[in-house]
Amino acid sequence: MRDAFHDYEDAGVPIMKQIALKTMVTVVDASHFGDLLESSDRATERPDLAGYSESASHRRIIDLLMEQVEVADVVVLNKLDQVTP
């Protein structure tokens, strides 16, 4: 997403003069993240995780999730009350 913003800025897309990307936030579902760490599923095998791009469809879900966490400026852990140590 951040790269897309920069690409549009570089291309001179008019709306980019009125908006700015200041912070990337990723929300992590803590109740499922551990299970997904062990998964070898690919994006095309998980229709419940809609929203992947065609270029990402060949990638493993865990790779996509880890990339989102790595590029985030802020990570919000959701559903912590459902996680047991």
Protein backbone atom coordinates (compact mmCIF):
# COMPACT_ATOMS: atom_id res chain seq x y z
CA MET A 1 0.00 0.00 0.00
CA ARG A 2 2.78 2.40 0.91
CA ASP A 3 4.51 1.68 -2.41
CA ALA A 4 1.26 2.35 -4.28
CA PHE A 5 0.95 5.75 -2.60
CA HIS A 6 4.51 6.62 -3.61
CA ASP A 7 3.93 5.38 -7.16
CA TYR A 8 0.83 7.56 -7.50
CA GLU A 9 2.70 10.55 -6.08
CA ASP A 10 5.55 10.01 -8.52
CA ALA A 11 3.08 9.70 -11.40
CA GLY A 12 1.53 13.04 -10.49
CA VAL A 13 -1.97 11.73 -9.77
CA PRO A 14 -3.89 14.91 -8.80
CA ILE A 15 -5.64 13.53 -5.70
CA MET A 16 -2.24 12.80 -4.15
CA LYS A 17 -1.77 16.55 -3.59
CA GLN A 18 -4.69 16.45 -1.15
CA ILE A 19 -4.00 13.25 0.78
CA ALA A 20 -1.06 11.80 2.64
CA LEU A 21 -0.18 8.44 4.08
CA LYS A 22 1.32 9.08 7.49
CA THR A 23 0.90 5.80 9.35
CA MET A 24 0.40 2.18 8.32
CA VAL A 25 -1.73 0.30 10.85
CA THR A 26 -2.18 -3.48 10.87
CA VAL A 27 -4.80 -5.18 13.02
CA VAL A 28 -3.81 -8.70 14.07
CA ASP A 29 -6.45 -11.20 15.18
CA ALA A 30 -4.47 -12.62 18.10
CA SER A 31 -6.91 -15.51 18.54
CA HIS A 32 -6.00 -16.93 15.10
CA PHE A 33 -2.53 -15.60 14.38
CA GLY A 34 -0.74 -18.50 16.10
CA ASP A 35 -2.63 -21.06 14.03
CA LEU A 36 -1.88 -19.16 10.84
CA LEU A 37 1.84 -19.17 11.68
CA GLU A 38 1.77 -22.95 11.26
CA SER A 39 -0.39 -22.93 8.12
CA SER A 40 0.99 -23.62 4.65
CA ASP A 41 -2.24 -22.49 2.93
CA ARG A 42 -2.00 -20.14 -0.01
CA ALA A 43 -4.27 -17.14 -0.53
CA THR A 44 -6.27 -18.92 -3.24
CA GLU A 45 -7.04 -21.74 -0.80
CA ARG A 46 -8.58 -19.37 1.76
CA PRO A 47 -11.67 -17.62 0.36
CA ASP A 48 -12.51 -16.57 3.94
CA LEU A 49 -9.53 -14.24 3.79
CA ALA A 50 -10.87 -12.16 0.92
CA GLY A 51 -9.09 -9.15 -0.46
CA TYR A 52 -5.84 -10.61 -1.74
CA SER A 53 -4.53 -9.41 -5.08
CA GLU A 54 -3.84 -11.71 -8.00
CA SER A 55 -0.12 -11.09 -7.59
CA ALA A 56 -0.35 -12.29 -3.98
CA SER A 57 -2.56 -15.30 -4.67
CA HIS A 58 0.37 -17.69 -5.09
CA ARG A 59 1.90 -16.68 -1.76
CA ARG A 60 1.37 -18.44 1.53
CA ILE A 61 -1.01 -16.75 3.95
CA ILE A 62 1.65 -16.54 6.65
CA ASP A 63 4.02 -14.70 4.27
CA LEU A 64 1.32 -12.13 3.49
CA LEU A 65 0.46 -11.70 7.18
CA MET A 66 4.08 -11.35 8.25
CA GLU A 67 4.69 -8.75 5.53
CA GLN A 68 1.74 -6.72 6.80
CA VAL A 69 3.12 -6.82 10.34
CA GLU A 70 6.66 -5.97 9.24
CA VAL A 71 5.70 -2.87 7.24
CA ALA A 72 3.26 -1.53 9.83
CA ASP A 73 4.11 1.52 11.86
CA VAL A 74 1.47 0.45 14.41
CA VAL A 75 0.27 -3.08 15.17
CA VAL A 76 -3.05 -3.46 16.99
CA LEU A 77 -3.58 -6.82 18.69
CA ASN A 78 -7.28 -7.66 18.63
CA LYS A 79 -9.07 -10.39 20.62
CA LEU A 80 -6.30 -10.75 23.20
CA ASP A 81 -8.94 -11.85 25.70
CA GLN A 82 -9.36 -15.05 23.64
CA VAL A 83 -5.68 -16.02 23.79
CA THR A 84 -4.35 -18.35 26.46
CA PRO A 85 -0.65 -18.32 27.38
